[in-house]
Amino acid sequence: MTRTAEWKIRLYLFEEDNTTKARVVLDTGTAVLTGHGVARCNAEDRDVPEIGDELAAGRALHDLDRQLMTTAHGDMEALQTTQSGPGTTRGAP
């Protein structure tokens, strides 16, 4: 079976008071997941906004990754439960 899908991702960055916040929104067409990330500039460090953007965005993407994996595992569990039938234990003959 050949299949093509397009998922849309938007990444938003906000900076205020030495703190960069990122929000990444994934729209799969059937679900929307949102990841969040934060980076804070130490008062003793040079303020380089690009580094804050990279850290916050990376953390937001990592959060999104965790959510996608959790969703996929839940979907697989639900599918196995459905295929096994009610009242059966996975792994049982």
PDB file of N, CA and C in Angstrom:
ATOM      1  N   MET A   1       0.849  -1.179   0.000  1.00  0.00           N
ATOM      2  CA  MET A   1       0.000   0.000   0.000  1.00  0.00           C
ATOM      3  C   MET A   1       0.894   1.241   0.000  1.00  0.00           C
ATOM      4  N   THR A   2       0.656   2.126  -0.939  1.00  0.00           N
ATOM      5  CA  THR A   2       1.373   3.396  -1.004  1.00  0.00           C
ATOM      6  C   THR A   2       0.508   4.472  -0.371  1.00  0.00           C
ATOM      7  N   ARG A   3       1.144   5.298   0.415  1.00  0.00           N
ATOM      8  CA  ARG A   3       0.396   6.337   1.133  1.00  0.00           C
ATOM      9  C   ARG A   3       1.268   7.563   1.268  1.00  0.00           C
ATOM     10  N   THR A   4       0.683   8.718   1.107  1.00  0.00           N
ATOM     11  CA  THR A   4       1.384   9.987   1.306  1.00  0.00           C
ATOM     12  C   THR A   4       0.571  10.821   2.275  1.00  0.00           C
ATOM     13  N   ALA A   5       1.264  11.445   3.225  1.00  0.00           N
ATOM     14  CA  ALA A   5       0.590  12.311   4.201  1.00  0.00           C
ATOM     15  C   ALA A   5       1.421  13.578   4.380  1.00  0.00           C
ATOM     16  N   GLU A   6       0.756  14.627   4.733  1.00  0.00           N
ATOM     17  CA  GLU A   6       1.450  15.879   5.032  1.00  0.00           C
ATOM     18  C   GLU A   6       1.006  16.355   6.407  1.00  0.00           C
ATOM     19  N   TRP A   7       1.970  16.530   7.294  1.00  0.00           N
ATOM     20  CA  TRP A   7       1.707  17.072   8.624  1.00  0.00           C
ATOM     21  C   TRP A   7       2.280  18.474   8.664  1.00  0.00           C
ATOM     22  N   LYS A   8       1.538  19.378   9.264  1.00  0.00           N
ATOM     23  CA  LYS A   8       1.985  20.769   9.342  1.00  0.00           C
ATOM     24  C   LYS A   8       2.534  21.066  10.737  1.00  0.00           C
ATOM     25  N   ILE A   9       3.699  21.710  10.761  1.00  0.00           N
ATOM     26  CA  ILE A   9       4.332  22.079  12.027  1.00  0.00           C
ATOM     27  C   ILE A   9       4.580  23.582  12.022  1.00  0.00           C
ATOM     28  N   ARG A  10       4.220  24.215  13.124  1.00  0.00           N
ATOM     29  CA  ARG A  10       4.506  25.645  13.316  1.00  0.00           C
ATOM     30  C   ARG A  10       5.298  25.788  14.599  1.00  0.00           C
ATOM     31  N   LEU A  11       6.339  26.593  14.531  1.00  0.00           N
ATOM     32  CA  LEU A  11       7.191  26.836  15.695  1.00  0.00           C
ATOM     33  C   LEU A  11       7.132  28.318  16.029  1.00  0.00           C
ATOM     34  N   TYR A  12       6.765  28.621  17.263  1.00  0.00           N
ATOM     35  CA  TYR A  12       6.655  30.004  17.725  1.00  0.00           C
ATOM     36  C   TYR A  12       7.698  30.238  18.808  1.00  0.00           C
ATOM     37  N   LEU A  13       8.409  31.357  18.721  1.00  0.00           N
ATOM     38  CA  LEU A  13       9.419  31.727  19.716  1.00  0.00           C
ATOM     39  C   LEU A  13       9.054  33.065  20.337  1.00  0.00           C
ATOM     40  N   PHE A  14       9.179  33.157  21.660  1.00  0.00           N
ATOM     41  CA  PHE A  14       8.871  34.373  22.400  1.00  0.00           C
ATOM     42  C   PHE A  14      10.042  34.656  23.336  1.00  0.00           C
ATOM     43  N   GLU A  15      10.504  35.889  23.363  1.00  0.00           N
ATOM     44  CA  GLU A  15      11.606  36.227  24.268  1.00  0.00           C
ATOM     45  C   GLU A  15      11.211  37.419  25.133  1.00  0.00           C
ATOM     46  N   GLU A  16      11.483  37.265  26.439  1.00  0.00           N
ATOM     47  CA  GLU A  16      11.189  38.343  27.388  1.00  0.00           C
ATOM     48  C   GLU A  16      12.020  38.143  28.640  1.00  0.00           C
ATOM     49  N   ASP A  17      12.684  39.188  29.088  1.00  0.00           N
ATOM     50  CA  ASP A  17      13.454  39.166  30.336  1.00  0.00           C
ATOM     51  C   ASP A  17      14.413  37.973  30.425  1.00  0.00           C
ATOM     52  N   ASN A  18      15.299  37.847  29.427  1.00  0.00           N
ATOM     53  CA  ASN A  18      16.315  36.784  29.417  1.00  0.00           C
ATOM     54  C   ASN A  18      15.731  35.371  29.404  1.00  0.00           C
ATOM     55  N   THR A  19      14.484  35.239  29.001  1.00  0.00           N
ATOM     56  CA  THR A  19      13.846  33.923  28.896  1.00  0.00           C
ATOM     57  C   THR A  19      13.253  33.775  27.499  1.00  0.00           C
ATOM     58  N   THR A  20      13.572  32.667  26.863  1.00  0.00           N
ATOM     59  CA  THR A  20      12.996  32.359  25.555  1.00  0.00           C
ATOM     60  C   THR A  20      12.055  31.188  25.733  1.00  0.00           C
ATOM     61  N   LYS A  21      10.846  31.332  25.206  1.00  0.00           N
ATOM     62  CA  LYS A  21       9.862  30.262  25.251  1.00  0.00           C
ATOM     63  C   LYS A  21       9.549  29.850  23.823  1.00  0.00           C
ATOM     64  N   ALA A  22       9.386  28.551  23.629  1.00  0.00           N
ATOM     65  CA  ALA A  22       9.031  28.022  22.314  1.00  0.00           C
ATOM     66  C   ALA A  22       7.770  27.177  22.436  1.00  0.00           C
ATOM     67  N   ARG A  23       6.958  27.257  21.403  1.00  0.00           N
ATOM     68  CA  ARG A  23       5.771  26.414  21.307  1.00  0.00           C
ATOM     69  C   ARG A  23       5.769  25.840  19.896  1.00  0.00           C
ATOM     70  N   VAL A  24       5.703  24.539  19.789  1.00  0.00           N
ATOM     71  CA  VAL A  24       5.641  23.887  18.484  1.00  0.00           C
ATOM     72  C   VAL A  24       4.291  23.174  18.392  1.00  0.00           C
ATOM     73  N   VAL A  25       3.592  23.424  17.293  1.00  0.00           N
ATOM     74  CA  VAL A  25       2.257  22.856  17.103  1.00  0.00           C
ATOM     75  C   VAL A  25       2.298  21.941  15.887  1.00  0.00           C
ATOM     76  N   LEU A  26       1.917  20.696  16.088  1.00  0.00           N
ATOM     77  CA  LEU A  26       1.853  19.704  15.012  1.00  0.00           C
ATOM     78  C   LEU A  26       0.390  19.411  14.716  1.00  0.00           C
ATOM     79  N   ASP A  27       0.018  19.574  13.450  1.00  0.00           N
ATOM     80  CA  ASP A  27      -1.343  19.264  13.002  1.00  0.00           C
ATOM     81  C   ASP A  27      -1.251  18.109  12.016  1.00  0.00           C
ATOM     82  N   THR A  28      -1.747  16.943  12.419  1.00  0.00           N
ATOM     83  CA  THR A  28      -1.680  15.760  11.563  1.00  0.00           C
ATOM     84  C   THR A  28      -2.893  15.627  10.649  1.00  0.00           C
ATOM     85  N   GLY A  29      -3.836  16.518  10.816  1.00  0.00           N
ATOM     86  CA  GLY A  29      -5.089  16.407  10.070  1.00  0.00           C
ATOM     87  C   GLY A  29      -6.160  15.703  10.875  1.00  0.00           C
ATOM     88  N   THR A  30      -5.730  14.839  11.810  1.00  0.00           N
ATOM     89  CA  THR A  30      -6.685  14.148  12.687  1.00  0.00           C
ATOM     90  C   THR A  30      -6.440  14.482  14.151  1.00  0.00           C
ATOM     91  N   ALA A  31      -5.284  15.069  14.446  1.00  0.00           N
ATOM     92  CA  ALA A  31      -4.943  15.426  15.826  1.00  0.00           C
ATOM     93  C   ALA A  31      -4.013  16.637  15.815  1.00  0.00           C
ATOM     94  N   VAL A  32      -4.017  17.360  16.917  1.00  0.00           N
ATOM     95  CA  VAL A  32      -3.105  18.491  17.097  1.00  0.00           C
ATOM     96  C   VAL A  32      -2.372  18.285  18.413  1.00  0.00           C
ATOM     97  N   LEU A  33      -1.046  18.300  18.349  1.00  0.00           N
ATOM     98  CA  LEU A  33      -0.211  18.169  19.544  1.00  0.00           C
ATOM     99  C   LEU A  33       0.620  19.434  19.685  1.00  0.00           C
ATOM    100  N   THR A  34       0.866  19.850  20.921  1.00  0.00           N
ATOM    101  CA  THR A  34       1.644  21.054  21.179  1.00  0.00           C
ATOM    102  C   THR A  34       2.767  20.753  22.157  1.00  0.00           C
ATOM    103  N   GLY A  35       3.993  21.095  21.762  1.00  0.00           N
ATOM    104  CA  GLY A  35       5.150  20.923  22.632  1.00  0.00           C
ATOM    105  C   GLY A  35       5.631  22.282  23.128  1.00  0.00           C
ATOM    106  N   HIS A  36       6.212  22.296  24.317  1.00  0.00           N
ATOM    107  CA  HIS A  36       6.690  23.540  24.922  1.00  0.00           C
ATOM    108  C   HIS A  36       8.140  23.389  25.355  1.00  0.00           C
ATOM    109  N   GLY A  37       8.876  24.497  25.276  1.00  0.00           N
ATOM    110  CA  GLY A  37      10.257  24.505  25.736  1.00  0.00           C
ATOM    111  C   GLY A  37      10.638  25.888  26.238  1.00  0.00           C
ATOM    112  N   VAL A  38      11.580  25.934  27.176  1.00  0.00           N
ATOM    113  CA  VAL A  38      12.021  27.197  27.774  1.00  0.00           C
ATOM    114  C   VAL A  38      13.539  27.193  27.878  1.00  0.00           C
ATOM    115  N   ALA A  39      14.143  28.354  27.643  1.00  0.00           N
ATOM    116  CA  ALA A  39      15.579  28.543  27.862  1.00  0.00           C
ATOM    117  C   ALA A  39      15.770  29.870  28.583  1.00  0.00           C
ATOM    118  N   ARG A  40      16.615  29.850  29.590  1.00  0.00           N
ATOM    119  CA  ARG A  40      16.887  31.070  30.352  1.00  0.00           C
ATOM    120  C   ARG A  40      18.361  31.423  30.236  1.00  0.00           C
ATOM    121  N   CYS A  41      18.623  32.695  30.030  1.00  0.00           N
ATOM    122  CA  CYS A  41      19.998  33.172  29.936  1.00  0.00           C
ATOM    123  C   CYS A  41      20.495  33.495  31.347  1.00  0.00           C
ATOM    124  N   ASN A  42      21.586  32.864  31.720  1.00  0.00           N
ATOM    125  CA  ASN A  42      22.210  33.156  33.007  1.00  0.00           C
ATOM    126  C   ASN A  42      22.688  34.604  33.001  1.00  0.00           C
ATOM    127  N   ALA A  43      22.476  35.324  34.086  1.00  0.00           N
ATOM    128  CA  ALA A  43      22.854  36.744  34.167  1.00  0.00           C
ATOM    129  C   ALA A  43      24.342  36.946  33.917  1.00  0.00           C
ATOM    130  N   GLU A  44      25.165  35.953  34.173  1.00  0.00           N
ATOM    131  CA  GLU A  44      26.605  36.065  33.973  1.00  0.00           C
ATOM    132  C   GLU A  44      27.027  35.754  32.534  1.00  0.00           C
ATOM    133  N   ASP A  45      26.143  35.179  31.717  1.00  0.00           N
ATOM    134  CA  ASP A  45      26.462  34.821  30.339  1.00  0.00           C
ATOM    135  C   ASP A  45      26.142  35.967  29.385  1.00  0.00           C
ATOM    136  N   ARG A  46      26.816  35.960  28.231  1.00  0.00           N
ATOM    137  CA  ARG A  46      26.480  36.913  27.173  1.00  0.00           C
ATOM    138  C   ARG A  46      25.097  36.579  26.641  1.00  0.00           C
ATOM    139  N   ASP A  47      24.329  37.598  26.350  1.00  0.00           N
ATOM    140  CA  ASP A  47      22.981  37.385  25.802  1.00  0.00           C
ATOM    141  C   ASP A  47      23.088  37.166  24.294  1.00  0.00           C
ATOM    142  N   VAL A  48      22.907  35.918  23.868  1.00  0.00           N
ATOM    143  CA  VAL A  48      22.926  35.574  22.442  1.00  0.00           C
ATOM    144  C   VAL A  48      21.561  34.952  22.136  1.00  0.00           C
ATOM    145  N   PRO A  49      20.632  35.772  21.603  1.00  0.00           N
ATOM    146  CA  PRO A  49      19.261  35.298  21.386  1.00  0.00           C
ATOM    147  C   PRO A  49      19.174  34.012  20.568  1.00  0.00           C
ATOM    148  N   GLU A  50      20.058  33.839  19.587  1.00  0.00           N
ATOM    149  CA  GLU A  50      20.007  32.648  18.751  1.00  0.00           C
ATOM    150  C   GLU A  50      20.179  31.371  19.576  1.00  0.00           C
ATOM    151  N   ILE A  51      21.040  31.428  20.597  1.00  0.00           N
ATOM    152  CA  ILE A  51      21.248  30.252  21.449  1.00  0.00           C
ATOM    153  C   ILE A  51      19.983  29.947  22.248  1.00  0.00           C
ATOM    154  N   GLY A  52      19.352  30.975  22.773  1.00  0.00           N
ATOM    155  CA  GLY A  52      18.090  30.779  23.490  1.00  0.00           C
ATOM    156  C   GLY A  52      17.019  30.189  22.593  1.00  0.00           C
ATOM    157  N   ASP A  53      16.961  30.685  21.335  1.00  0.00           N
ATOM    158  CA  ASP A  53      15.995  30.143  20.372  1.00  0.00           C
ATOM    159  C   ASP A  53      16.251  28.662  20.127  1.00  0.00           C
ATOM    160  N   GLU A  54      17.528  28.311  19.921  1.00  0.00           N
ATOM    161  CA  GLU A  54      17.879  26.921  19.636  1.00  0.00           C
ATOM    162  C   GLU A  54      17.546  26.000  20.807  1.00  0.00           C
ATOM    163  N   LEU A  55      17.885  26.433  22.008  1.00  0.00           N
ATOM    164  CA  LEU A  55      17.609  25.608  23.192  1.00  0.00           C
ATOM    165  C   LEU A  55      16.105  25.449  23.423  1.00  0.00           C
ATOM    166  N   ALA A  56      15.378  26.555  23.374  1.00  0.00           N
ATOM    167  CA  ALA A  56      13.934  26.497  23.615  1.00  0.00           C
ATOM    168  C   ALA A  56      13.236  25.674  22.536  1.00  0.00           C
ATOM    169  N   ALA A  57      13.627  25.870  21.267  1.00  0.00           N
ATOM    170  CA  ALA A  57      13.013  25.114  20.172  1.00  0.00           C
ATOM    171  C   ALA A  57      13.338  23.627  20.301  1.00  0.00           C
ATOM    172  N   GLY A  58      14.589  23.313  20.621  1.00  0.00           N
ATOM    173  CA  GLY A  58      14.971  21.913  20.802  1.00  0.00           C
ATOM    174  C   GLY A  58      14.184  21.247  21.913  1.00  0.00           C
ATOM    175  N   ARG A  59      13.987  21.977  23.000  1.00  0.00           N
ATOM    176  CA  ARG A  59      13.224  21.427  24.132  1.00  0.00           C
ATOM    177  C   ARG A  59      11.757  21.256  23.775  1.00  0.00           C
ATOM    178  N   ALA A  60      11.200  22.185  22.990  1.00  0.00           N
ATOM    179  CA  ALA A  60       9.807  22.056  22.559  1.00  0.00           C
ATOM    180  C   ALA A  60       9.645  20.858  21.627  1.00  0.00           C
ATOM    181  N   LEU A  61      10.606  20.670  20.733  1.00  0.00           N
ATOM    182  CA  LEU A  61      10.560  19.521  19.828  1.00  0.00           C
ATOM    183  C   LEU A  61      10.727  18.211  20.593  1.00  0.00           C
ATOM    184  N   HIS A  62      11.561  18.222  21.610  1.00  0.00           N
ATOM    185  CA  HIS A  62      11.727  17.032  22.455  1.00  0.00           C
ATOM    186  C   HIS A  62      10.415  16.699  23.176  1.00  0.00           C
ATOM    187  N   ASP A  63       9.734  17.739  23.669  1.00  0.00           N
ATOM    188  CA  ASP A  63       8.436  17.541  24.324  1.00  0.00           C
ATOM    189  C   ASP A  63       7.434  16.966  23.316  1.00  0.00           C
ATOM    190  N   LEU A  64       7.435  17.488  22.096  1.00  0.00           N
ATOM    191  CA  LEU A  64       6.548  16.976  21.053  1.00  0.00           C
ATOM    192  C   LEU A  64       6.884  15.522  20.731  1.00  0.00           C
ATOM    193  N   ASP A  65       8.171  15.202  20.660  1.00  0.00           N
ATOM    194  CA  ASP A  65       8.614  13.829  20.427  1.00  0.00           C
ATOM    195  C   ASP A  65       8.045  12.894  21.489  1.00  0.00           C
ATOM    196  N   ARG A  66       8.140  13.291  22.735  1.00  0.00           N
ATOM    197  CA  ARG A  66       7.629  12.474  23.838  1.00  0.00           C
ATOM    198  C   ARG A  66       6.126  12.231  23.668  1.00  0.00           C
ATOM    199  N   GLN A  67       5.405  13.279  23.302  1.00  0.00           N
ATOM    200  CA  GLN A  67       3.959  13.146  23.117  1.00  0.00           C
ATOM    201  C   GLN A  67       3.619  12.227  21.938  1.00  0.00           C
ATOM    202  N   LEU A  68       4.362  12.364  20.840  1.00  0.00           N
ATOM    203  CA  LEU A  68       4.119  11.495  19.679  1.00  0.00           C
ATOM    204  C   LEU A  68       4.373  10.033  20.020  1.00  0.00           C
ATOM    205  N   MET A  69       5.449   9.772  20.734  1.00  0.00           N
ATOM    206  CA  MET A  69       5.772   8.396  21.108  1.00  0.00           C
ATOM    207  C   MET A  69       4.706   7.824  22.046  1.00  0.00           C
ATOM    208  N   THR A  70       4.255   8.628  22.997  1.00  0.00           N
ATOM    209  CA  THR A  70       3.205   8.194  23.921  1.00  0.00           C
ATOM    210  C   THR A  70       1.914   7.892  23.152  1.00  0.00           C
ATOM    211  N   THR A  71       1.578   8.755  22.207  1.00  0.00           N
ATOM    212  CA  THR A  71       0.380   8.558  21.391  1.00  0.00           C
ATOM    213  C   THR A  71       0.494   7.282  20.561  1.00  0.00           C
ATOM    214  N   ALA A  72       1.657   7.079  19.931  1.00  0.00           N
ATOM    215  CA  ALA A  72       1.857   5.880  19.103  1.00  0.00           C
ATOM    216  C   ALA A  72       1.768   4.612  19.948  1.00  0.00           C
ATOM    217  N   HIS A  73       2.397   4.622  21.120  1.00  0.00           N
ATOM    218  CA  HIS A  73       2.336   3.443  21.990  1.00  0.00           C
ATOM    219  C   HIS A  73       0.905   3.170  22.446  1.00  0.00           C
ATOM    220  N   GLY A  74       0.176   4.228  22.765  1.00  0.00           N
ATOM    221  CA  GLY A  74      -1.229   4.059  23.152  1.00  0.00           C
ATOM    222  C   GLY A  74      -2.066   3.495  22.016  1.00  0.00           C
ATOM    223  N   ASP A  75      -1.810   3.973  20.796  1.00  0.00           N
ATOM    224  CA  ASP A  75      -2.541   3.458  19.633  1.00  0.00           C
ATOM    225  C   ASP A  75      -2.216   1.989  19.397  1.00  0.00           C
ATOM    226  N   MET A  76      -0.934   1.620  19.553  1.00  0.00           N
ATOM    227  CA  MET A  76      -0.555   0.213  19.377  1.00  0.00           C
ATOM    228  C   MET A  76      -1.200  -0.662  20.439  1.00  0.00           C
ATOM    229  N   GLU A  77      -1.222  -0.195  21.668  1.00  0.00           N
ATOM    230  CA  GLU A  77      -1.867  -0.955  22.751  1.00  0.00           C
ATOM    231  C   GLU A  77      -3.352  -1.139  22.455  1.00  0.00           C
ATOM    232  N   ALA A  78      -4.008  -0.076  22.009  1.00  0.00           N
ATOM    233  CA  ALA A  78      -5.439  -0.157  21.710  1.00  0.00           C
ATOM    234  C   ALA A  78      -5.693  -1.136  20.566  1.00  0.00           C
ATOM    235  N   LEU A  79      -4.830  -1.129  19.564  1.00  0.00           N
ATOM    236  CA  LEU A  79      -4.983  -2.035  18.438  1.00  0.00           C
ATOM    237  C   LEU A  79      -4.794  -3.480  18.871  1.00  0.00           C
ATOM    238  N   GLN A  80      -3.802  -3.740  19.704  1.00  0.00           N
ATOM    239  CA  GLN A  80      -3.568  -5.101  20.182  1.00  0.00           C
ATOM    240  C   GLN A  80      -4.715  -5.573  21.056  1.00  0.00           C
ATOM    241  N   THR A  81      -5.263  -4.701  21.868  1.00  0.00           N
ATOM    242  CA  THR A  81      -6.398  -5.053  22.713  1.00  0.00           C
ATOM    243  C   THR A  81      -7.605  -5.378  21.844  1.00  0.00           C
ATOM    244  N   THR A  82      -7.824  -4.580  20.805  1.00  0.00           N
ATOM    245  CA  THR A  82      -8.951  -4.802  19.902  1.00  0.00           C
ATOM    246  C   THR A  82      -8.782  -6.107  19.147  1.00  0.00           C
ATOM    247  N   GLN A  83      -7.558  -6.379  18.666  1.00  0.00           N
ATOM    248  CA  GLN A  83      -7.322  -7.601  17.907  1.00  0.00           C
ATOM    249  C   GLN A  83      -7.389  -8.833  18.790  1.00  0.00           C
ATOM    250  N   SER A  84      -6.991  -8.692  20.043  1.00  0.00           N
ATOM    251  CA  SER A  84      -7.015  -9.832  20.964  1.00  0.00           C
ATOM    252  C   SER A  84      -8.430 -10.168  21.385  1.00  0.00           C
ATOM    253  N   GLY A  85      -9.294  -9.167  21.392  1.00  0.00           N
ATOM    254  CA  GLY A  85     -10.676  -9.374  21.817  1.00  0.00           C
ATOM    255  C   GLY A  85     -10.818  -9.077  23.288  1.00  0.00           C
ATOM    256  N   PRO A  86     -12.032  -8.798  23.706  1.00  0.00           N
ATOM    257  CA  PRO A  86     -12.278  -8.466  25.108  1.00  0.00           C
ATOM    258  C   PRO A  86     -11.998  -9.661  26.016  1.00  0.00           C
ATOM    259  N   GLY A  87     -11.394  -9.381  27.140  1.00  0.00           N
ATOM    260  CA  GLY A  87     -11.194 -10.390  28.147  1.00  0.00           C
ATOM    261  C   GLY A  87      -9.983 -11.278  27.923  1.00  0.00           C
ATOM    262  N   THR A  88      -9.214 -11.011  26.860  1.00  0.00           N
ATOM    263  CA  THR A  88      -8.015 -11.817  26.622  1.00  0.00           C
ATOM    264  C   THR A  88      -6.788 -11.074  27.111  1.00  0.00           C
ATOM    265  N   THR A  89      -5.777 -11.829  27.442  1.00  0.00           N
ATOM    266  CA  THR A  89      -4.528 -11.245  27.898  1.00  0.00           C
ATOM    267  C   THR A  89      -3.505 -11.376  26.781  1.00  0.00           C
ATOM    268  N   ARG A  90      -2.809 -10.272  26.515  1.00  0.00           N
ATOM    269  CA  ARG A  90      -1.813 -10.308  25.471  1.00  0.00           C
ATOM    270  C   ARG A  90      -0.742 -11.325  25.826  1.00  0.00           C
ATOM    271  N   GLY A  91      -0.318 -12.075  24.842  1.00  0.00           N
ATOM    272  CA  GLY A  91       0.696 -13.082  25.078  1.00  0.00           C
ATOM    273  C   GLY A  91       0.110 -14.445  25.429  1.00  0.00           C
ATOM    274  N   ALA A  92      -1.157 -14.490  25.748  1.00  0.00           N
ATOM    275  CA  ALA A  92      -1.805 -15.771  26.071  1.00  0.00           C
ATOM    276  C   ALA A  92      -2.156 -16.498  24.778  1.00  0.00           C
ATOM    277  N   PRO A  93      -2.085 -17.818  24.761  1.00  0.00           N
ATOM    278  CA  PRO A  93      -2.399 -18.581  23.537  1.00  0.00           C
ATOM    279  C   PRO A  93      -3.869 -18.489  23.163  1.00  0.00           C
TER     280      PRO A  93
END
